């Protein structure tokens, strides 16, 4: 119950402070949220709010690792704002669920990899994958993306086994 109260206070504070007052907002939220260094998801949410939005200069292909159920929903409804994606994508075999989870600091093992095409001018925030391996970045979209942005969904295979 206490954690829920702190989370509500933090979210209300973020709404009031906004991204323009990023340093002051971060200091205030660190005081309000006990143990924020231990919770990667909470740190990620706070950090994403403070990252500047920029527009892509050219189209970019990225990946998104998620569950089958979430992928089905996104194929119907599109991608919501603040959806996490890899910074880059390209040809090659997808990693195992365990490797993707370690590499990008995912909270749970993904089941599928979506290939997403971001058109030129798409507003995104870019940063490092918190909780992941050094050198791996991530993008979050600032606006919704249509279902047509998802080009392909590939199931991930566990190490040495069948999907």
C-alpha atoms as a PDB file:
ATOM      1  CA  UNK A   1       0.000   0.000   0.000  1.00  0.00           C
ATOM      2  CA  UNK A   2       2.811   2.397   0.902  1.00  0.00           C
ATOM      3  CA  UNK A   3       4.517   1.779  -2.457  1.00  0.00           C
ATOM      4  CA  UNK A   4       1.283   2.562  -4.322  1.00  0.00           C
ATOM      5  CA  UNK A   5       0.941   5.863  -2.454  1.00  0.00           C
ATOM      6  CA  UNK A   6       4.542   6.814  -3.316  1.00  0.00           C
ATOM      7  CA  UNK A   7       4.014   5.889  -6.962  1.00  0.00           C
ATOM      8  CA  UNK A   8       0.861   8.029  -7.181  1.00  0.00           C
ATOM      9  CA  UNK A   9       2.693  10.952  -5.559  1.00  0.00           C
ATOM     10  CA  UNK A  10       5.577  10.527  -8.011  1.00  0.00           C
ATOM     11  CA  UNK A  11       3.303  10.418 -11.057  1.00  0.00           C
ATOM     12  CA  UNK A  12       1.400  13.504  -9.915  1.00  0.00           C
ATOM     13  CA  UNK A  13       4.680  15.295  -9.297  1.00  0.00           C
ATOM     14  CA  UNK A  14       5.927  14.386 -12.788  1.00  0.00           C
ATOM     15  CA  UNK A  15       2.737  15.776 -14.295  1.00  0.00           C
ATOM     16  CA  UNK A  16       3.177  19.059 -12.411  1.00  0.00           C
ATOM     17  CA  UNK A  17       6.947  19.411 -12.850  1.00  0.00           C
ATOM     18  CA  UNK A  18       7.086  18.370 -16.537  1.00  0.00           C
ATOM     19  CA  UNK A  19      10.154  17.721 -18.653  1.00  0.00           C
ATOM     20  CA  UNK A  20      11.149  21.426 -18.806  1.00  0.00           C
ATOM     21  CA  UNK A  21      12.271  21.383 -15.172  1.00  0.00           C
ATOM     22  CA  UNK A  22      14.095  18.071 -15.547  1.00  0.00           C
ATOM     23  CA  UNK A  23      16.953  18.480 -13.030  1.00  0.00           C
ATOM     24  CA  UNK A  24      14.732  19.927 -10.298  1.00  0.00           C
ATOM     25  CA  UNK A  25      12.078  17.302 -11.013  1.00  0.00           C
ATOM     26  CA  UNK A  26      14.580  14.477 -10.769  1.00  0.00           C
ATOM     27  CA  UNK A  27      15.922  15.733  -7.420  1.00  0.00           C
ATOM     28  CA  UNK A  28      12.392  16.022  -6.042  1.00  0.00           C
ATOM     29  CA  UNK A  29      11.418  12.561  -7.276  1.00  0.00           C
ATOM     30  CA  UNK A  30      14.533  10.990  -5.748  1.00  0.00           C
ATOM     31  CA  UNK A  31      13.415  12.335  -2.381  1.00  0.00           C
ATOM     32  CA  UNK A  32       9.848  11.164  -2.868  1.00  0.00           C
ATOM     33  CA  UNK A  33      10.638   7.669  -4.111  1.00  0.00           C
ATOM     34  CA  UNK A  34      12.408   5.561  -1.499  1.00  0.00           C
ATOM     35  CA  UNK A  35      14.921   3.088  -2.952  1.00  0.00           C
ATOM     36  CA  UNK A  36      14.586   4.381  -6.513  1.00  0.00           C
ATOM     37  CA  UNK A  37      18.064   3.037  -7.319  1.00  0.00           C
ATOM     38  CA  UNK A  38      16.870  -0.520  -6.738  1.00  0.00           C
ATOM     39  CA  UNK A  39      13.927  -0.434  -9.099  1.00  0.00           C
ATOM     40  CA  UNK A  40      15.075  -0.316 -12.722  1.00  0.00           C
ATOM     41  CA  UNK A  41      11.560   0.111 -14.110  1.00  0.00           C
ATOM     42  CA  UNK A  42      10.906   3.110 -11.903  1.00  0.00           C
ATOM     43  CA  UNK A  43      14.262   4.648 -12.820  1.00  0.00           C
ATOM     44  CA  UNK A  44      13.526   4.017 -16.479  1.00  0.00           C
ATOM     45  CA  UNK A  45      10.138   5.763 -16.266  1.00  0.00           C
ATOM     46  CA  UNK A  46      11.652   8.773 -14.516  1.00  0.00           C
ATOM     47  CA  UNK A  47      14.571   8.978 -16.917  1.00  0.00           C
ATOM     48  CA  UNK A  48      12.341   8.686 -20.018  1.00  0.00           C
ATOM     49  CA  UNK A  49      10.307  11.709 -18.896  1.00  0.00           C
ATOM     50  CA  UNK A  50      13.424  13.875 -18.833  1.00  0.00           C
ATOM     51  CA  UNK A  51      14.974  12.847 -22.172  1.00  0.00           C
ATOM     52  CA  UNK A  52      14.566  15.395 -24.974  1.00  0.00           C
ATOM     53  CA  UNK A  53      12.387  14.535 -27.970  1.00  0.00           C
ATOM     54  CA  UNK A  54      14.031  14.675 -31.382  1.00  0.00           C
ATOM     55  CA  UNK A  55      12.777  13.792 -34.852  1.00  0.00           C
ATOM     56  CA  UNK A  56      14.433  11.082 -36.921  1.00  0.00           C
ATOM     57  CA  UNK A  57      16.327  12.527 -39.859  1.00  0.00           C
ATOM     58  CA  UNK A  58      15.789   9.414 -41.972  1.00  0.00           C
ATOM     59  CA  UNK A  59      13.681   6.239 -41.713  1.00  0.00           C
ATOM     60  CA  UNK A  60      14.953   3.661 -39.237  1.00  0.00           C
ATOM     61  CA  UNK A  61      14.292  -0.027 -38.619  1.00  0.00           C
ATOM     62  CA  UNK A  62      14.214  -1.059 -34.955  1.00  0.00           C
ATOM     63  CA  UNK A  63      13.148  -4.094 -32.927  1.00  0.00           C
ATOM     64  CA  UNK A  64      10.789  -4.517 -30.024  1.00  0.00           C
ATOM     65  CA  UNK A  65      10.940  -7.577 -27.750  1.00  0.00           C
ATOM     66  CA  UNK A  66       7.631  -8.436 -26.120  1.00  0.00           C
ATOM     67  CA  UNK A  67       5.065 -11.156 -25.377  1.00  0.00           C
ATOM     68  CA  UNK A  68       2.868 -12.829 -27.992  1.00  0.00           C
ATOM     69  CA  UNK A  69      -0.258 -11.331 -26.452  1.00  0.00           C
ATOM     70  CA  UNK A  70       1.175  -7.803 -26.494  1.00  0.00           C
ATOM     71  CA  UNK A  71       2.327  -8.255 -30.117  1.00  0.00           C
ATOM     72  CA  UNK A  72      -1.207  -9.302 -31.159  1.00  0.00           C
ATOM     73  CA  UNK A  73      -2.643  -6.228 -29.439  1.00  0.00           C
ATOM     74  CA  UNK A  74      -0.104  -3.945 -31.115  1.00  0.00           C
ATOM     75  CA  UNK A  75      -0.826  -5.460 -34.542  1.00  0.00           C
ATOM     76  CA  UNK A  76      -4.488  -4.467 -34.018  1.00  0.00           C
ATOM     77  CA  UNK A  77      -4.128  -1.121 -32.249  1.00  0.00           C
ATOM     78  CA  UNK A  78      -0.619   0.139 -33.022  1.00  0.00           C
ATOM     79  CA  UNK A  79       2.087   1.224 -30.607  1.00  0.00           C
ATOM     80  CA  UNK A  80       1.233   3.522 -27.714  1.00  0.00           C
ATOM     81  CA  UNK A  81       3.420   6.505 -26.836  1.00  0.00           C
ATOM     82  CA  UNK A  82       6.455   5.721 -24.623  1.00  0.00           C
ATOM     83  CA  UNK A  83       6.812   2.223 -26.103  1.00  0.00           C
ATOM     84  CA  UNK A  84      10.372   0.913 -25.738  1.00  0.00           C
ATOM     85  CA  UNK A  85      12.272  -0.283 -28.807  1.00  0.00           C
ATOM     86  CA  UNK A  86      15.905  -1.028 -29.603  1.00  0.00           C
ATOM     87  CA  UNK A  87      17.981   1.831 -30.996  1.00  0.00           C
ATOM     88  CA  UNK A  88      18.862  -0.100 -34.151  1.00  0.00           C
ATOM     89  CA  UNK A  89      17.680  -3.141 -36.045  1.00  0.00           C
ATOM     90  CA  UNK A  90      18.903  -4.998 -39.078  1.00  0.00           C
ATOM     91  CA  UNK A  91      19.389  -8.371 -40.658  1.00  0.00           C
ATOM     92  CA  UNK A  92      20.275 -11.391 -38.597  1.00  0.00           C
ATOM     93  CA  UNK A  93      18.912 -14.135 -36.455  1.00  0.00           C
ATOM     94  CA  UNK A  94      17.066 -13.016 -33.314  1.00  0.00           C
ATOM     95  CA  UNK A  95      18.769 -13.730 -29.990  1.00  0.00           C
ATOM     96  CA  UNK A  96      17.361 -16.202 -27.492  1.00  0.00           C
ATOM     97  CA  UNK A  97      14.823 -14.814 -24.994  1.00  0.00           C
ATOM     98  CA  UNK A  98      17.455 -14.995 -22.234  1.00  0.00           C
ATOM     99  CA  UNK A  99      20.034 -13.098 -24.302  1.00  0.00           C
ATOM    100  CA  UNK A 100      17.527 -10.382 -25.284  1.00  0.00           C
ATOM    101  CA  UNK A 101      16.474  -9.992 -21.649  1.00  0.00           C
ATOM    102  CA  UNK A 102      20.086  -9.565 -20.490  1.00  0.00           C
ATOM    103  CA  UNK A 103      21.089  -7.312 -23.387  1.00  0.00           C
ATOM    104  CA  UNK A 104      18.218  -4.826 -23.057  1.00  0.00           C
ATOM    105  CA  UNK A 105      17.455  -5.124 -19.327  1.00  0.00           C
ATOM    106  CA  UNK A 106      13.926  -6.450 -19.895  1.00  0.00           C
ATOM    107  CA  UNK A 107      11.782  -7.222 -16.822  1.00  0.00           C
ATOM    108  CA  UNK A 108      10.697 -10.627 -18.210  1.00  0.00           C
ATOM    109  CA  UNK A 109      11.736 -12.981 -20.992  1.00  0.00           C
ATOM    110  CA  UNK A 110      10.283 -11.898 -24.329  1.00  0.00           C
ATOM    111  CA  UNK A 111       8.459 -14.350 -26.586  1.00  0.00           C
ATOM    112  CA  UNK A 112       8.615 -12.508 -29.922  1.00  0.00           C
ATOM    113  CA  UNK A 113      10.628  -9.858 -31.745  1.00  0.00           C
ATOM    114  CA  UNK A 114       8.724  -7.223 -33.706  1.00  0.00           C
ATOM    115  CA  UNK A 115      10.455  -5.481 -36.593  1.00  0.00           C
ATOM    116  CA  UNK A 116       9.275  -1.869 -36.671  1.00  0.00           C
ATOM    117  CA  UNK A 117       9.858   0.704 -39.398  1.00  0.00           C
ATOM    118  CA  UNK A 118       9.957   4.265 -38.067  1.00  0.00           C
ATOM    119  CA  UNK A 119       9.380   6.836 -40.831  1.00  0.00           C
ATOM    120  CA  UNK A 120      11.438   9.995 -41.248  1.00  0.00           C
ATOM    121  CA  UNK A 121      10.362  12.708 -38.817  1.00  0.00           C
ATOM    122  CA  UNK A 122       9.066  10.334 -36.133  1.00  0.00           C
ATOM    123  CA  UNK A 123       9.461  12.040 -32.714  1.00  0.00           C
ATOM    124  CA  UNK A 124      11.492   9.775 -30.392  1.00  0.00           C
ATOM    125  CA  UNK A 125      13.514   9.878 -27.187  1.00  0.00           C
ATOM    126  CA  UNK A 126      16.795   7.983 -27.188  1.00  0.00           C
ATOM    127  CA  UNK A 127      18.785   6.725 -24.232  1.00  0.00           C
ATOM    128  CA  UNK A 128      20.666   3.766 -22.817  1.00  0.00           C
ATOM    129  CA  UNK A 129      18.926   0.528 -21.964  1.00  0.00           C
ATOM    130  CA  UNK A 130      18.834   0.710 -18.147  1.00  0.00           C
ATOM    131  CA  UNK A 131      19.609  -2.615 -16.538  1.00  0.00           C
ATOM    132  CA  UNK A 132      20.985  -3.950 -19.832  1.00  0.00           C
ATOM    133  CA  UNK A 133      24.449  -4.523 -21.197  1.00  0.00           C
ATOM    134  CA  UNK A 134      26.717  -1.504 -21.712  1.00  0.00           C
ATOM    135  CA  UNK A 135      26.589  -0.059 -25.203  1.00  0.00           C
ATOM    136  CA  UNK A 136      22.965  -0.936 -25.968  1.00  0.00           C
ATOM    137  CA  UNK A 137      20.522   1.880 -26.463  1.00  0.00           C
ATOM    138  CA  UNK A 138      16.778   2.181 -26.707  1.00  0.00           C
ATOM    139  CA  UNK A 139      14.190   4.451 -28.292  1.00  0.00           C
ATOM    140  CA  UNK A 140      10.767   5.417 -27.031  1.00  0.00           C
ATOM    141  CA  UNK A 141       8.193   6.948 -29.329  1.00  0.00           C
ATOM    142  CA  UNK A 142       6.690  10.282 -28.309  1.00  0.00           C
ATOM    143  CA  UNK A 143       3.477   9.749 -30.305  1.00  0.00           C
ATOM    144  CA  UNK A 144       1.369   6.695 -31.179  1.00  0.00           C
ATOM    145  CA  UNK A 145       2.494   4.613 -34.154  1.00  0.00           C
ATOM    146  CA  UNK A 146      -0.009   2.887 -36.475  1.00  0.00           C
ATOM    147  CA  UNK A 147      -0.170  -0.922 -36.757  1.00  0.00           C
ATOM    148  CA  UNK A 148       1.356  -0.620 -40.240  1.00  0.00           C
ATOM    149  CA  UNK A 149       4.670   0.374 -38.621  1.00  0.00           C
ATOM    150  CA  UNK A 150       5.072  -3.256 -37.438  1.00  0.00           C
ATOM    151  CA  UNK A 151       6.544  -5.077 -40.435  1.00  0.00           C
ATOM    152  CA  UNK A 152       7.169  -8.512 -38.985  1.00  0.00           C
ATOM    153  CA  UNK A 153       6.747 -10.582 -35.810  1.00  0.00           C
ATOM    154  CA  UNK A 154       9.201 -13.445 -35.235  1.00  0.00           C
ATOM    155  CA  UNK A 155       8.936 -15.945 -32.342  1.00  0.00           C
ATOM    156  CA  UNK A 156      12.086 -16.262 -30.242  1.00  0.00           C
ATOM    157  CA  UNK A 157      13.606 -19.694 -29.787  1.00  0.00           C
ATOM    158  CA  UNK A 158      15.159 -20.692 -26.466  1.00  0.00           C
ATOM    159  CA  UNK A 159      18.781 -21.874 -26.514  1.00  0.00           C
ATOM    160  CA  UNK A 160      19.063 -25.081 -28.506  1.00  0.00           C
ATOM    161  CA  UNK A 161      15.346 -25.773 -28.490  1.00  0.00           C
ATOM    162  CA  UNK A 162      12.116 -25.316 -30.330  1.00  0.00           C
ATOM    163  CA  UNK A 163       9.915 -22.175 -29.914  1.00  0.00           C
END
